[in-house]
Amino acid sequence: MAKKSDLTLISPTCRRKIDLLETHRLWLKRAAEIALASPEKGGSPHPSVKVGAILVDAKGLEIAHAANGFAHGIDRRRPERYENGARSLWINCAEQMVIAKAARNQADLKGAKLYVTLEPCAICAGLLVECGICEVIVPLSSRRSYAKLKAKWKKSIEIGSSKLMEAGVKVTVVDVSSTR
């Protein structure tokens, strides 16, 4: 007698959840790759906190992607812009960069999803709400992965999470280390 595959034993509803989870993992993996690319190829110039973000429309198509970095026209080669206390003033968050990129392309963000490798700070969370982002997907390990974050940024992320939830933006946390 032929053996049914493991997948055929899973209900259609459960199969959709597994497929969605795998989709989330793939987008988050791509966001991490974007963050870790060299700055010349669009990756983050930050020495320790490299964040990647991807906006995806309701059909599952990429709208835009970006890493945290300098705004267009800003000289990233100047060493004083990397000094403690100055970095956060010169380097924009990945969420800001990806929304700016989408805006330049006149993309409609209403109902879009954001995949990001670190939970949004308070400022970015407010921006995401205003843009009509319906869901933010982050890796489970994002805070642990950024142990070098200063206390003020950890607090900002906590407030950002509260803003998203209070405004009705779904926050999905995905364990990217697990596989089926």
C-alpha atoms as a PDB file:
ATOM      1  CA  MET A   1       0.000   0.000   0.000  1.00  0.00           C
ATOM      2  CA  ALA A   2       1.324   3.468  -0.941  1.00  0.00           C
ATOM      3  CA  LYS A   3       2.197   5.776   1.933  1.00  0.00           C
ATOM      4  CA  LYS A   4       0.689   9.238   2.034  1.00  0.00           C
ATOM      5  CA  SER A   5       3.213  12.032   2.308  1.00  0.00           C
ATOM      6  CA  ASP A   6       3.445  13.896   5.589  1.00  0.00           C
ATOM      7  CA  LEU A   7       1.942  16.962   3.935  1.00  0.00           C
ATOM      8  CA  THR A   8      -1.239  15.141   2.881  1.00  0.00           C
ATOM      9  CA  LEU A   9      -1.874  14.283   6.535  1.00  0.00           C
ATOM     10  CA  ILE A  10      -1.955  17.979   7.427  1.00  0.00           C
ATOM     11  CA  SER A  11      -5.305  19.742   7.160  1.00  0.00           C
ATOM     12  CA  PRO A  12      -5.641  22.398   4.423  1.00  0.00           C
ATOM     13  CA  THR A  13      -5.952  25.122   7.089  1.00  0.00           C
ATOM     14  CA  CYS A  14      -2.804  23.975   8.846  1.00  0.00           C
ATOM     15  CA  ARG A  15      -1.007  23.657   5.481  1.00  0.00           C
ATOM     16  CA  ARG A  16      -1.827  27.315   4.716  1.00  0.00           C
ATOM     17  CA  LYS A  17      -0.351  28.328   8.092  1.00  0.00           C
ATOM     18  CA  ILE A  18       2.834  26.365   7.356  1.00  0.00           C
ATOM     19  CA  ASP A  19       3.077  27.962   3.908  1.00  0.00           C
ATOM     20  CA  LEU A  20       2.564  31.426   5.439  1.00  0.00           C
ATOM     21  CA  LEU A  21       5.208  30.740   8.074  1.00  0.00           C
ATOM     22  CA  GLU A  22       7.675  29.648   5.374  1.00  0.00           C
ATOM     23  CA  THR A  23       6.828  32.772   3.364  1.00  0.00           C
ATOM     24  CA  HIS A  24       7.508  34.929   6.432  1.00  0.00           C
ATOM     25  CA  ARG A  25      10.842  33.169   6.976  1.00  0.00           C
ATOM     26  CA  LEU A  26      11.887  33.720   3.354  1.00  0.00           C
ATOM     27  CA  TRP A  27      11.079  37.445   3.445  1.00  0.00           C
ATOM     28  CA  LEU A  28      12.871  37.869   6.794  1.00  0.00           C
ATOM     29  CA  LYS A  29      15.904  36.018   5.437  1.00  0.00           C
ATOM     30  CA  ARG A  30      15.940  38.375   2.459  1.00  0.00           C
ATOM     31  CA  ALA A  31      15.631  41.406   4.785  1.00  0.00           C
ATOM     32  CA  ALA A  32      18.651  40.149   6.744  1.00  0.00           C
ATOM     33  CA  GLU A  33      20.626  39.702   3.513  1.00  0.00           C
ATOM     34  CA  ILE A  34      19.783  43.283   2.507  1.00  0.00           C
ATOM     35  CA  ALA A  35      20.992  44.610   5.870  1.00  0.00           C
ATOM     36  CA  LEU A  36      24.239  42.657   5.704  1.00  0.00           C
ATOM     37  CA  ALA A  37      25.108  43.571   2.110  1.00  0.00           C
ATOM     38  CA  SER A  38      27.974  45.996   1.644  1.00  0.00           C
ATOM     39  CA  PRO A  39      26.942  49.667   1.871  1.00  0.00           C
ATOM     40  CA  GLU A  40      27.900  50.065  -1.805  1.00  0.00           C
ATOM     41  CA  LYS A  41      25.218  47.485  -2.620  1.00  0.00           C
ATOM     42  CA  GLY A  42      22.543  49.053  -0.400  1.00  0.00           C
ATOM     43  CA  GLY A  43      23.428  47.366   2.891  1.00  0.00           C
ATOM     44  CA  SER A  44      23.692  49.063   6.242  1.00  0.00           C
ATOM     45  CA  PRO A  45      26.754  51.224   6.935  1.00  0.00           C
ATOM     46  CA  HIS A  46      26.173  50.982  10.700  1.00  0.00           C
ATOM     47  CA  PRO A  47      29.075  49.170  12.362  1.00  0.00           C
ATOM     48  CA  SER A  48      26.968  47.027  14.715  1.00  0.00           C
ATOM     49  CA  VAL A  49      23.205  47.458  14.183  1.00  0.00           C
ATOM     50  CA  LYS A  50      22.365  46.374  10.666  1.00  0.00           C
ATOM     51  CA  VAL A  51      18.643  46.433   9.933  1.00  0.00           C
ATOM     52  CA  GLY A  52      16.877  45.417   6.731  1.00  0.00           C
ATOM     53  CA  ALA A  53      13.262  46.046   5.731  1.00  0.00           C
ATOM     54  CA  ILE A  54      11.009  44.924   2.884  1.00  0.00           C
ATOM     55  CA  LEU A  55       7.530  46.202   2.049  1.00  0.00           C
ATOM     56  CA  VAL A  56       5.242  43.619   0.447  1.00  0.00           C
ATOM     57  CA  ASP A  57       1.807  44.297  -1.056  1.00  0.00           C
ATOM     58  CA  ALA A  58      -1.364  42.270  -0.468  1.00  0.00           C
ATOM     59  CA  LYS A  59      -0.538  40.037  -3.453  1.00  0.00           C
ATOM     60  CA  GLY A  60       2.816  39.126  -1.925  1.00  0.00           C
ATOM     61  CA  LEU A  61       4.883  41.242  -4.312  1.00  0.00           C
ATOM     62  CA  GLU A  62       7.785  43.366  -3.153  1.00  0.00           C
ATOM     63  CA  ILE A  63       7.108  47.092  -3.165  1.00  0.00           C
ATOM     64  CA  ALA A  64      10.544  48.213  -1.935  1.00  0.00           C
ATOM     65  CA  HIS A  65      13.494  47.147   0.212  1.00  0.00           C
ATOM     66  CA  ALA A  66      16.147  49.037   2.145  1.00  0.00           C
ATOM     67  CA  ALA A  67      18.599  48.892   5.025  1.00  0.00           C
ATOM     68  CA  ASN A  68      19.224  51.477   7.711  1.00  0.00           C
ATOM     69  CA  GLY A  69      21.517  54.065   6.186  1.00  0.00           C
ATOM     70  CA  PHE A  70      22.216  57.604   5.150  1.00  0.00           C
ATOM     71  CA  ALA A  71      19.649  59.610   3.220  1.00  0.00           C
ATOM     72  CA  HIS A  72      20.382  60.224  -0.458  1.00  0.00           C
ATOM     73  CA  GLY A  73      23.036  62.882  -0.935  1.00  0.00           C
ATOM     74  CA  ILE A  74      24.576  62.502   2.525  1.00  0.00           C
ATOM     75  CA  ASP A  75      28.291  61.637   2.510  1.00  0.00           C
ATOM     76  CA  ARG A  76      28.631  58.355   4.398  1.00  0.00           C
ATOM     77  CA  ARG A  77      32.434  58.426   4.186  1.00  0.00           C
ATOM     78  CA  ARG A  78      32.885  61.122   6.857  1.00  0.00           C
ATOM     79  CA  PRO A  79      34.184  59.338  10.002  1.00  0.00           C
ATOM     80  CA  GLU A  80      32.612  61.757  12.485  1.00  0.00           C
ATOM     81  CA  ARG A  81      29.183  60.488  11.393  1.00  0.00           C
ATOM     82  CA  TYR A  82      29.953  57.103  12.932  1.00  0.00           C
ATOM     83  CA  GLU A  83      30.990  58.369  16.353  1.00  0.00           C
ATOM     84  CA  ASN A  84      28.896  57.406  19.372  1.00  0.00           C
ATOM     85  CA  GLY A  85      26.048  59.833  19.782  1.00  0.00           C
ATOM     86  CA  ALA A  86      26.234  60.947  16.158  1.00  0.00           C
ATOM     87  CA  ARG A  87      25.325  57.700  14.373  1.00  0.00           C
ATOM     88  CA  SER A  88      21.670  57.777  15.346  1.00  0.00           C
ATOM     89  CA  LEU A  89      21.425  61.349  14.096  1.00  0.00           C
ATOM     90  CA  TRP A  90      22.956  60.588  10.682  1.00  0.00           C
ATOM     91  CA  ILE A  91      21.739  57.065   9.915  1.00  0.00           C
ATOM     92  CA  ASN A  92      18.040  56.700   9.129  1.00  0.00           C
ATOM     93  CA  CYS A  93      16.086  53.629  10.221  1.00  0.00           C
ATOM     94  CA  ALA A  94      15.436  50.920   7.622  1.00  0.00           C
ATOM     95  CA  GLU A  95      11.686  51.540   7.940  1.00  0.00           C
ATOM     96  CA  GLN A  96      12.149  55.208   7.017  1.00  0.00           C
ATOM     97  CA  MET A  97      14.385  54.292   4.100  1.00  0.00           C
ATOM     98  CA  VAL A  98      12.002  51.690   2.674  1.00  0.00           C
ATOM     99  CA  ILE A  99       8.989  54.010   2.979  1.00  0.00           C
ATOM    100  CA  ALA A 100      10.930  56.824   1.273  1.00  0.00           C
ATOM    101  CA  LYS A 101      11.879  54.441  -1.538  1.00  0.00           C
ATOM    102  CA  ALA A 102       8.242  53.356  -1.930  1.00  0.00           C
ATOM    103  CA  ALA A 103       7.108  57.004  -1.921  1.00  0.00           C
ATOM    104  CA  ARG A 104       9.602  57.875  -4.677  1.00  0.00           C
ATOM    105  CA  ASN A 105       7.993  55.089  -6.722  1.00  0.00           C
ATOM    106  CA  GLN A 106       4.504  56.364  -5.789  1.00  0.00           C
ATOM    107  CA  ALA A 107       3.573  52.983  -4.308  1.00  0.00           C
ATOM    108  CA  ASP A 108       0.308  52.538  -2.428  1.00  0.00           C
ATOM    109  CA  LEU A 109       1.170  51.270   1.058  1.00  0.00           C
ATOM    110  CA  LYS A 110      -2.372  50.810   2.354  1.00  0.00           C
ATOM    111  CA  GLY A 111      -2.641  47.217   3.516  1.00  0.00           C
ATOM    112  CA  ALA A 112       1.043  46.432   2.896  1.00  0.00           C
ATOM    113  CA  LYS A 113       3.151  44.237   5.166  1.00  0.00           C
ATOM    114  CA  LEU A 114       6.577  45.166   6.457  1.00  0.00           C
ATOM    115  CA  TYR A 115       9.244  42.559   7.079  1.00  0.00           C
ATOM    116  CA  VAL A 116      11.986  44.025   9.264  1.00  0.00           C
ATOM    117  CA  THR A 117      14.921  42.485  11.114  1.00  0.00           C
ATOM    118  CA  LEU A 118      14.471  44.630  14.248  1.00  0.00           C
ATOM    119  CA  GLU A 119      11.234  45.773  15.803  1.00  0.00           C
ATOM    120  CA  PRO A 120      10.376  49.368  14.864  1.00  0.00           C
ATOM    121  CA  CYS A 121      11.288  52.208  17.195  1.00  0.00           C
ATOM    122  CA  ALA A 122       8.625  54.615  18.437  1.00  0.00           C
ATOM    123  CA  ILE A 123       9.129  57.099  15.565  1.00  0.00           C
ATOM    124  CA  CYS A 124       9.026  54.419  12.859  1.00  0.00           C
ATOM    125  CA  ALA A 125       6.015  52.717  14.422  1.00  0.00           C
ATOM    126  CA  GLY A 126       4.070  55.973  14.181  1.00  0.00           C
ATOM    127  CA  LEU A 127       5.161  56.370  10.564  1.00  0.00           C
ATOM    128  CA  LEU A 128       4.059  52.810   9.729  1.00  0.00           C
ATOM    129  CA  VAL A 129       0.636  53.446  11.263  1.00  0.00           C
ATOM    130  CA  GLU A 130       0.230  56.677   9.280  1.00  0.00           C
ATOM    131  CA  CYS A 131       1.174  54.904   6.031  1.00  0.00           C
ATOM    132  CA  GLY A 132      -1.512  52.245   6.476  1.00  0.00           C
ATOM    133  CA  ILE A 133       0.803  49.269   6.988  1.00  0.00           C
ATOM    134  CA  CYS A 134      -1.424  46.407   8.176  1.00  0.00           C
ATOM    135  CA  GLU A 135       1.186  43.998   9.539  1.00  0.00           C
ATOM    136  CA  VAL A 136       4.777  44.069  10.747  1.00  0.00           C
ATOM    137  CA  ILE A 137       6.692  40.793  10.747  1.00  0.00           C
ATOM    138  CA  VAL A 138       9.866  40.512  12.851  1.00  0.00           C
ATOM    139  CA  PRO A 139      12.153  37.642  13.819  1.00  0.00           C
ATOM    140  CA  LEU A 140      11.779  36.238  17.322  1.00  0.00           C
ATOM    141  CA  SER A 141      15.471  36.719  17.992  1.00  0.00           C
ATOM    142  CA  SER A 142      15.610  40.369  16.899  1.00  0.00           C
ATOM    143  CA  ARG A 143      16.179  41.923  20.331  1.00  0.00           C
ATOM    144  CA  ARG A 144      18.689  39.281  21.397  1.00  0.00           C
ATOM    145  CA  SER A 145      20.535  39.762  18.116  1.00  0.00           C
ATOM    146  CA  TYR A 146      21.012  43.436  18.909  1.00  0.00           C
ATOM    147  CA  ALA A 147      22.541  43.183  22.368  1.00  0.00           C
ATOM    148  CA  LYS A 148      24.520  46.350  21.686  1.00  0.00           C
ATOM    149  CA  LEU A 149      21.380  48.486  21.571  1.00  0.00           C
ATOM    150  CA  LYS A 150      21.431  51.285  24.087  1.00  0.00           C
ATOM    151  CA  ALA A 151      18.722  51.401  26.755  1.00  0.00           C
ATOM    152  CA  LYS A 152      17.032  54.385  25.050  1.00  0.00           C
ATOM    153  CA  TRP A 153      16.576  52.330  21.839  1.00  0.00           C
ATOM    154  CA  LYS A 154      15.248  49.323  23.744  1.00  0.00           C
ATOM    155  CA  LYS A 155      12.708  51.629  25.409  1.00  0.00           C
ATOM    156  CA  SER A 156      11.850  53.155  22.020  1.00  0.00           C
ATOM    157  CA  ILE A 157      11.198  49.674  20.610  1.00  0.00           C
ATOM    158  CA  GLU A 158       8.897  48.879  23.552  1.00  0.00           C
ATOM    159  CA  ILE A 159       6.932  52.077  22.885  1.00  0.00           C
ATOM    160  CA  GLY A 160       6.918  51.305  19.150  1.00  0.00           C
ATOM    161  CA  SER A 161       5.390  47.893  19.832  1.00  0.00           C
ATOM    162  CA  SER A 162       2.704  49.510  21.982  1.00  0.00           C
ATOM    163  CA  LYS A 163       1.936  52.069  19.257  1.00  0.00           C
ATOM    164  CA  LEU A 164       1.533  49.372  16.604  1.00  0.00           C
ATOM    165  CA  MET A 165      -0.734  47.225  18.763  1.00  0.00           C
ATOM    166  CA  GLU A 166      -2.842  50.153  19.956  1.00  0.00           C
ATOM    167  CA  ALA A 167      -3.346  51.326  16.358  1.00  0.00           C
ATOM    168  CA  GLY A 168      -4.429  47.843  15.273  1.00  0.00           C
ATOM    169  CA  VAL A 169      -1.325  46.930  13.284  1.00  0.00           C
ATOM    170  CA  LYS A 170      -0.760  43.205  13.540  1.00  0.00           C
ATOM    171  CA  VAL A 171       2.701  42.314  14.834  1.00  0.00           C
ATOM    172  CA  THR A 172       3.832  38.816  13.892  1.00  0.00           C
ATOM    173  CA  VAL A 173       6.907  37.353  15.528  1.00  0.00           C
ATOM    174  CA  VAL A 174       8.516  34.494  13.608  1.00  0.00           C
ATOM    175  CA  ASP A 175      11.057  31.969  14.810  1.00  0.00           C
ATOM    176  CA  VAL A 176      13.392  32.031  11.817  1.00  0.00           C
ATOM    177  CA  SER A 177      15.664  29.348  13.258  1.00  0.00           C
ATOM    178  CA  SER A 178      12.958  26.663  13.136  1.00  0.00           C
ATOM    179  CA  THR A 179      12.095  24.706  10.057  1.00  0.00           C
ATOM    180  CA  ARG A 180       9.413  22.162   9.316  1.00  0.00           C
END
